């Protein structure tokens, strides 16, 4: 598994790319949940959004680990 990625001479941690991908996946998912009215059932929306992001990040990293190995 690669630890760092070279982008035009700047070394970026591999986790930063997975974090960006998880964030990109969370944006449409959050809009979908808001349009469906799901957030009426949630006590603390920013806390739920953070938990959703962490779950997505874990899924992306796990999927990448299994795919790249």
PDB file of N, CA and C in Angstrom:
ATOM      1  N   UNK A   1       0.849  -1.179   0.000  1.00  0.00           N
ATOM      2  CA  UNK A   1       0.000   0.000   0.000  1.00  0.00           C
ATOM      3  C   UNK A   1       0.893   1.240   0.000  1.00  0.00           C
ATOM      4  N   UNK A   2       0.486   2.240  -0.719  1.00  0.00           N
ATOM      5  CA  UNK A   2       1.307   3.442  -0.823  1.00  0.00           C
ATOM      6  C   UNK A   2       1.046   4.382   0.346  1.00  0.00           C
ATOM      7  N   UNK A   3       2.133   5.000   0.816  1.00  0.00           N
ATOM      8  CA  UNK A   3       2.019   5.892   1.953  1.00  0.00           C
ATOM      9  C   UNK A   3       1.839   7.337   1.543  1.00  0.00           C
ATOM     10  N   UNK A   4       2.559   7.762   0.520  1.00  0.00           N
ATOM     11  CA  UNK A   4       2.474   9.148   0.063  1.00  0.00           C
ATOM     12  C   UNK A   4       2.363   9.181  -1.458  1.00  0.00           C
ATOM     13  N   UNK A   5       1.760  10.237  -1.962  1.00  0.00           N
ATOM     14  CA  UNK A   5       1.588  10.416  -3.393  1.00  0.00           C
ATOM     15  C   UNK A   5       2.258  11.725  -3.782  1.00  0.00           C
ATOM     16  N   UNK A   6       3.033  11.687  -4.851  1.00  0.00           N
ATOM     17  CA  UNK A   6       3.763  12.868  -5.315  1.00  0.00           C
ATOM     18  C   UNK A   6       2.909  13.628  -6.325  1.00  0.00           C
ATOM     19  N   UNK A   7       2.483  14.829  -5.960  1.00  0.00           N
ATOM     20  CA  UNK A   7       1.721  15.700  -6.863  1.00  0.00           C
ATOM     21  C   UNK A   7       2.570  16.917  -7.196  1.00  0.00           C
ATOM     22  N   UNK A   8       3.249  16.846  -8.315  1.00  0.00           N
ATOM     23  CA  UNK A   8       4.090  17.940  -8.797  1.00  0.00           C
ATOM     24  C   UNK A   8       5.110  18.394  -7.748  1.00  0.00           C
ATOM     25  N   UNK A   9       5.735  17.428  -7.099  1.00  0.00           N
ATOM     26  CA  UNK A   9       6.776  17.736  -6.124  1.00  0.00           C
ATOM     27  C   UNK A   9       6.281  17.908  -4.705  1.00  0.00           C
ATOM     28  N   UNK A  10       4.981  17.863  -4.500  1.00  0.00           N
ATOM     29  CA  UNK A  10       4.408  17.979  -3.156  1.00  0.00           C
ATOM     30  C   UNK A  10       3.932  16.598  -2.740  1.00  0.00           C
ATOM     31  N   UNK A  11       4.457  16.118  -1.622  1.00  0.00           N
ATOM     32  CA  UNK A  11       4.056  14.806  -1.140  1.00  0.00           C
ATOM     33  C   UNK A  11       2.777  14.940  -0.300  1.00  0.00           C
ATOM     34  N   UNK A  12       1.744  14.232  -0.739  1.00  0.00           N
ATOM     35  CA  UNK A  12       0.443  14.260  -0.080  1.00  0.00           C
ATOM     36  C   UNK A  12       0.212  12.886   0.550  1.00  0.00           C
ATOM     37  N   UNK A  13      -0.183  12.844   1.821  1.00  0.00           N
ATOM     38  CA  UNK A  13      -0.473  11.545   2.431  1.00  0.00           C
ATOM     39  C   UNK A  13      -1.624  10.852   1.698  1.00  0.00           C
ATOM     40  N   UNK A  14      -1.521   9.545   1.590  1.00  0.00           N
ATOM     41  CA  UNK A  14      -2.567   8.784   0.910  1.00  0.00           C
ATOM     42  C   UNK A  14      -3.920   8.934   1.588  1.00  0.00           C
ATOM     43  N   UNK A  15      -3.908   9.067   2.909  1.00  0.00           N
ATOM     44  CA  UNK A  15      -5.160   9.221   3.643  1.00  0.00           C
ATOM     45  C   UNK A  15      -5.886  10.509   3.256  1.00  0.00           C
ATOM     46  N   UNK A  16      -5.143  11.544   2.901  1.00  0.00           N
ATOM     47  CA  UNK A  16      -5.780  12.806   2.507  1.00  0.00           C
ATOM     48  C   UNK A  16      -6.628  12.626   1.260  1.00  0.00           C
ATOM     49  N   UNK A  17      -6.184  11.788   0.342  1.00  0.00           N
ATOM     50  CA  UNK A  17      -6.982  11.531  -0.860  1.00  0.00           C
ATOM     51  C   UNK A  17      -8.238  10.732  -0.534  1.00  0.00           C
ATOM     52  N   UNK A  18      -8.110   9.771   0.369  1.00  0.00           N
ATOM     53  CA  UNK A  18      -9.295   9.012   0.773  1.00  0.00           C
ATOM     54  C   UNK A  18     -10.277   9.905   1.530  1.00  0.00           C
ATOM     55  N   UNK A  19      -9.738  10.853   2.308  1.00  0.00           N
ATOM     56  CA  UNK A  19     -10.605  11.792   3.029  1.00  0.00           C
ATOM     57  C   UNK A  19     -11.366  12.686   2.060  1.00  0.00           C
ATOM     58  N   UNK A  20     -10.692  13.139   1.007  1.00  0.00           N
ATOM     59  CA  UNK A  20     -11.355  13.970   0.001  1.00  0.00           C
ATOM     60  C   UNK A  20     -12.439  13.184  -0.734  1.00  0.00           C
ATOM     61  N   UNK A  21     -12.175  11.912  -1.023  1.00  0.00           N
ATOM     62  CA  UNK A  21     -13.169  11.077  -1.682  1.00  0.00           C
ATOM     63  C   UNK A  21     -14.380  10.850  -0.781  1.00  0.00           C
ATOM     64  N   UNK A  22     -14.146  10.591   0.492  1.00  0.00           N
ATOM     65  CA  UNK A  22     -15.257  10.397   1.432  1.00  0.00           C
ATOM     66  C   UNK A  22     -16.075  11.676   1.577  1.00  0.00           C
ATOM     67  N   UNK A  23     -15.406  12.823   1.574  1.00  0.00           N
ATOM     68  CA  UNK A  23     -16.135  14.090   1.654  1.00  0.00           C
ATOM     69  C   UNK A  23     -16.979  14.313   0.403  1.00  0.00           C
ATOM     70  N   UNK A  24     -16.412  13.978  -0.761  1.00  0.00           N
ATOM     71  CA  UNK A  24     -17.166  14.122  -2.010  1.00  0.00           C
ATOM     72  C   UNK A  24     -18.376  13.193  -2.036  1.00  0.00           C
ATOM     73  N   UNK A  25     -18.265  12.021  -1.436  1.00  0.00           N
ATOM     74  CA  UNK A  25     -19.408  11.112  -1.360  1.00  0.00           C
ATOM     75  C   UNK A  25     -20.446  11.586  -0.348  1.00  0.00           C
ATOM     76  N   UNK A  26     -19.999  12.264   0.700  1.00  0.00           N
ATOM     77  CA  UNK A  26     -20.932  12.691   1.741  1.00  0.00           C
ATOM     78  C   UNK A  26     -21.808  13.864   1.308  1.00  0.00           C
ATOM     79  N   UNK A  27     -21.324  14.699   0.402  1.00  0.00           N
ATOM     80  CA  UNK A  27     -22.115  15.863  -0.010  1.00  0.00           C
ATOM     81  C   UNK A  27     -23.447  15.481  -0.654  1.00  0.00           C
ATOM     82  N   UNK A  28     -23.469  14.634  -1.693  1.00  0.00           N
ATOM     83  CA  UNK A  28     -24.786  14.282  -2.258  1.00  0.00           C
ATOM     84  C   UNK A  28     -25.634  13.446  -1.300  1.00  0.00           C
ATOM     85  N   UNK A  29     -24.971  12.644  -0.452  1.00  0.00           N
ATOM     86  CA  UNK A  29     -25.728  11.849   0.508  1.00  0.00           C
ATOM     87  C   UNK A  29     -26.425  12.744   1.528  1.00  0.00           C
ATOM     88  N   UNK A  30     -25.741  13.791   1.987  1.00  0.00           N
ATOM     89  CA  UNK A  30     -26.360  14.734   2.925  1.00  0.00           C
ATOM     90  C   UNK A  30     -27.519  15.488   2.277  1.00  0.00           C
ATOM     91  N   UNK A  31     -27.357  15.866   1.015  1.00  0.00           N
ATOM     92  CA  UNK A  31     -28.458  16.538   0.313  1.00  0.00           C
ATOM     93  C   UNK A  31     -29.657  15.614   0.151  1.00  0.00           C
ATOM     94  N   UNK A  32     -29.389  14.351  -0.138  1.00  0.00           N
ATOM     95  CA  UNK A  32     -30.467  13.373  -0.275  1.00  0.00           C
ATOM     96  C   UNK A  32     -31.199  13.182   1.050  1.00  0.00           C
ATOM     97  N   UNK A  33     -30.445  13.092   2.146  1.00  0.00           N
ATOM     98  CA  UNK A  33     -31.074  12.946   3.461  1.00  0.00           C
ATOM     99  C   UNK A  33     -31.886  14.182   3.835  1.00  0.00           C
ATOM    100  N   UNK A  34     -31.400  15.360   3.482  1.00  0.00           N
ATOM    101  CA  UNK A  34     -32.135  16.595   3.772  1.00  0.00           C
ATOM    102  C   UNK A  34     -33.408  16.671   2.940  1.00  0.00           C
ATOM    103  N   UNK A  35     -33.332  16.270   1.678  1.00  0.00           N
ATOM    104  CA  UNK A  35     -34.515  16.314   0.814  1.00  0.00           C
ATOM    105  C   UNK A  35     -35.569  15.307   1.255  1.00  0.00           C
ATOM    106  N   UNK A  36     -35.125  14.184   1.817  1.00  0.00           N
ATOM    107  CA  UNK A  36     -36.054  13.160   2.279  1.00  0.00           C
ATOM    108  C   UNK A  36     -36.661  13.507   3.639  1.00  0.00           C
ATOM    109  N   UNK A  37     -36.149  14.546   4.292  1.00  0.00           N
ATOM    110  CA  UNK A  37     -36.660  14.936   5.602  1.00  0.00           C
ATOM    111  C   UNK A  37     -36.122  14.086   6.747  1.00  0.00           C
ATOM    112  N   UNK A  38     -35.030  13.405   6.514  1.00  0.00           N
ATOM    113  CA  UNK A  38     -34.457  12.530   7.538  1.00  0.00           C
ATOM    114  C   UNK A  38     -33.926  13.320   8.729  1.00  0.00           C
ATOM    115  N   UNK A  39     -33.469  14.526   8.493  1.00  0.00           N
ATOM    116  CA  UNK A  39     -32.844  15.311   9.559  1.00  0.00           C
ATOM    117  C   UNK A  39     -33.853  15.770  10.622  1.00  0.00           C
ATOM    118  N   UNK A  40     -35.139  15.602  10.357  1.00  0.00           N
ATOM    119  CA  UNK A  40     -36.128  15.904  11.400  1.00  0.00           C
ATOM    120  C   UNK A  40     -36.035  14.898  12.546  1.00  0.00           C
ATOM    121  N   UNK A  41     -35.495  13.722  12.244  1.00  0.00           N
ATOM    122  CA  UNK A  41     -35.367  12.671  13.252  1.00  0.00           C
ATOM    123  C   UNK A  41     -34.040  12.724  14.004  1.00  0.00           C
ATOM    124  N   UNK A  42     -33.138  13.591  13.558  1.00  0.00           N
ATOM    125  CA  UNK A  42     -31.790  13.650  14.119  1.00  0.00           C
ATOM    126  C   UNK A  42     -31.730  14.745  15.173  1.00  0.00           C
ATOM    127  N   UNK A  43     -31.135  14.426  16.308  1.00  0.00           N
ATOM    128  CA  UNK A  43     -31.064  15.386  17.406  1.00  0.00           C
ATOM    129  C   UNK A  43     -30.059  16.495  17.119  1.00  0.00           C
ATOM    130  N   UNK A  44     -28.871  16.150  16.624  1.00  0.00           N
ATOM    131  CA  UNK A  44     -27.800  17.125  16.425  1.00  0.00           C
ATOM    132  C   UNK A  44     -27.215  16.905  15.041  1.00  0.00           C
ATOM    133  N   UNK A  45     -27.646  17.738  14.087  1.00  0.00           N
ATOM    134  CA  UNK A  45     -27.289  17.510  12.690  1.00  0.00           C
ATOM    135  C   UNK A  45     -25.777  17.543  12.425  1.00  0.00           C
ATOM    136  N   UNK A  46     -25.006  18.522  12.948  1.00  0.00           N
ATOM    137  CA  UNK A  46     -23.560  18.491  12.676  1.00  0.00           C
ATOM    138  C   UNK A  46     -22.867  17.245  13.232  1.00  0.00           C
ATOM    139  N   UNK A  47     -23.310  16.770  14.382  1.00  0.00           N
ATOM    140  CA  UNK A  47     -22.733  15.562  14.955  1.00  0.00           C
ATOM    141  C   UNK A  47     -23.067  14.350  14.091  1.00  0.00           C
ATOM    142  N   UNK A  48     -24.286  14.284  13.589  1.00  0.00           N
ATOM    143  CA  UNK A  48     -24.674  13.195  12.703  1.00  0.00           C
ATOM    144  C   UNK A  48     -23.884  13.252  11.398  1.00  0.00           C
ATOM    145  N   UNK A  49     -23.685  14.453  10.857  1.00  0.00           N
ATOM    146  CA  UNK A  49     -22.913  14.595   9.625  1.00  0.00           C
ATOM    147  C   UNK A  49     -21.465  14.148   9.827  1.00  0.00           C
ATOM    148  N   UNK A  50     -20.888  14.457  10.973  1.00  0.00           N
ATOM    149  CA  UNK A  50     -19.532  14.013  11.278  1.00  0.00           C
ATOM    150  C   UNK A  50     -19.475  12.492  11.372  1.00  0.00           C
ATOM    151  N   UNK A  51     -20.451  11.892  12.042  1.00  0.00           N
ATOM    152  CA  UNK A  51     -20.483  10.435  12.163  1.00  0.00           C
ATOM    153  C   UNK A  51     -20.671   9.785  10.794  1.00  0.00           C
ATOM    154  N   UNK A  52     -21.498  10.382   9.955  1.00  0.00           N
ATOM    155  CA  UNK A  52     -21.703   9.877   8.597  1.00  0.00           C
ATOM    156  C   UNK A  52     -20.404   9.936   7.803  1.00  0.00           C
ATOM    157  N   UNK A  53     -19.668  11.019   7.939  1.00  0.00           N
ATOM    158  CA  UNK A  53     -18.385  11.172   7.254  1.00  0.00           C
ATOM    159  C   UNK A  53     -17.381  10.124   7.731  1.00  0.00           C
ATOM    160  N   UNK A  54     -17.319   9.879   9.028  1.00  0.00           N
ATOM    161  CA  UNK A  54     -16.380   8.901   9.575  1.00  0.00           C
ATOM    162  C   UNK A  54     -16.731   7.505   9.075  1.00  0.00           C
ATOM    163  N   UNK A  55     -18.007   7.183   9.015  1.00  0.00           N
ATOM    164  CA  UNK A  55     -18.423   5.877   8.506  1.00  0.00           C
ATOM    165  C   UNK A  55     -18.066   5.747   7.027  1.00  0.00           C
ATOM    166  N   UNK A  56     -18.308   6.793   6.244  1.00  0.00           N
ATOM    167  CA  UNK A  56     -17.943   6.765   4.832  1.00  0.00           C
ATOM    168  C   UNK A  56     -16.430   6.644   4.648  1.00  0.00           C
ATOM    169  N   UNK A  57     -15.667   7.364   5.448  1.00  0.00           N
ATOM    170  CA  UNK A  57     -14.212   7.281   5.364  1.00  0.00           C
ATOM    171  C   UNK A  57     -13.733   5.872   5.685  1.00  0.00           C
ATOM    172  N   UNK A  58     -14.288   5.266   6.697  1.00  0.00           N
ATOM    173  CA  UNK A  58     -13.925   3.885   7.028  1.00  0.00           C
ATOM    174  C   UNK A  58     -14.263   2.928   5.902  1.00  0.00           C
ATOM    175  N   UNK A  59     -15.414   3.134   5.269  1.00  0.00           N
ATOM    176  CA  UNK A  59     -15.795   2.284   4.141  1.00  0.00           C
ATOM    177  C   UNK A  59     -14.886   2.472   2.943  1.00  0.00           C
ATOM    178  N   UNK A  60     -14.526   3.712   2.646  1.00  0.00           N
ATOM    179  CA  UNK A  60     -13.645   3.992   1.509  1.00  0.00           C
ATOM    180  C   UNK A  60     -12.263   3.399   1.738  1.00  0.00           C
ATOM    181  N   UNK A  61     -11.720   3.570   2.934  1.00  0.00           N
ATOM    182  CA  UNK A  61     -10.392   3.044   3.234  1.00  0.00           C
ATOM    183  C   UNK A  61     -10.405   1.519   3.218  1.00  0.00           C
ATOM    184  N   UNK A  62     -11.433   0.903   3.768  1.00  0.00           N
ATOM    185  CA  UNK A  62     -11.527  -0.552   3.761  1.00  0.00           C
ATOM    186  C   UNK A  62     -11.664  -1.095   2.349  1.00  0.00           C
ATOM    187  N   UNK A  63     -12.502  -0.461   1.550  1.00  0.00           N
ATOM    188  CA  UNK A  63     -12.674  -0.888   0.170  1.00  0.00           C
ATOM    189  C   UNK A  63     -11.389  -0.713  -0.630  1.00  0.00           C
ATOM    190  N   UNK A  64     -10.693   0.381  -0.413  1.00  0.00           N
ATOM    191  CA  UNK A  64      -9.427   0.608  -1.116  1.00  0.00           C
ATOM    192  C   UNK A  64      -8.373  -0.395  -0.673  1.00  0.00           C
ATOM    193  N   UNK A  65      -8.345  -0.705   0.602  1.00  0.00           N
ATOM    194  CA  UNK A  65      -7.357  -1.659   1.115  1.00  0.00           C
ATOM    195  C   UNK A  65      -7.591  -3.042   0.515  1.00  0.00           C
ATOM    196  N   UNK A  66      -8.846  -3.463   0.445  1.00  0.00           N
ATOM    197  CA  UNK A  66      -9.154  -4.784  -0.113  1.00  0.00           C
ATOM    198  C   UNK A  66      -8.943  -4.809  -1.622  1.00  0.00           C
ATOM    199  N   UNK A  67      -9.180  -3.692  -2.288  1.00  0.00           N
ATOM    200  CA  UNK A  67      -9.031  -3.642  -3.744  1.00  0.00           C
ATOM    201  C   UNK A  67      -7.569  -3.585  -4.158  1.00  0.00           C
ATOM    202  N   UNK A  68      -6.768  -2.823  -3.447  1.00  0.00           N
ATOM    203  CA  UNK A  68      -5.366  -2.622  -3.836  1.00  0.00           C
ATOM    204  C   UNK A  68      -4.439  -3.735  -3.358  1.00  0.00           C
ATOM    205  N   UNK A  69      -4.933  -4.621  -2.527  1.00  0.00           N
ATOM    206  CA  UNK A  69      -4.064  -5.688  -2.030  1.00  0.00           C
ATOM    207  C   UNK A  69      -4.169  -6.914  -2.844  1.00  0.00           C
TER     208      UNK A  69
END
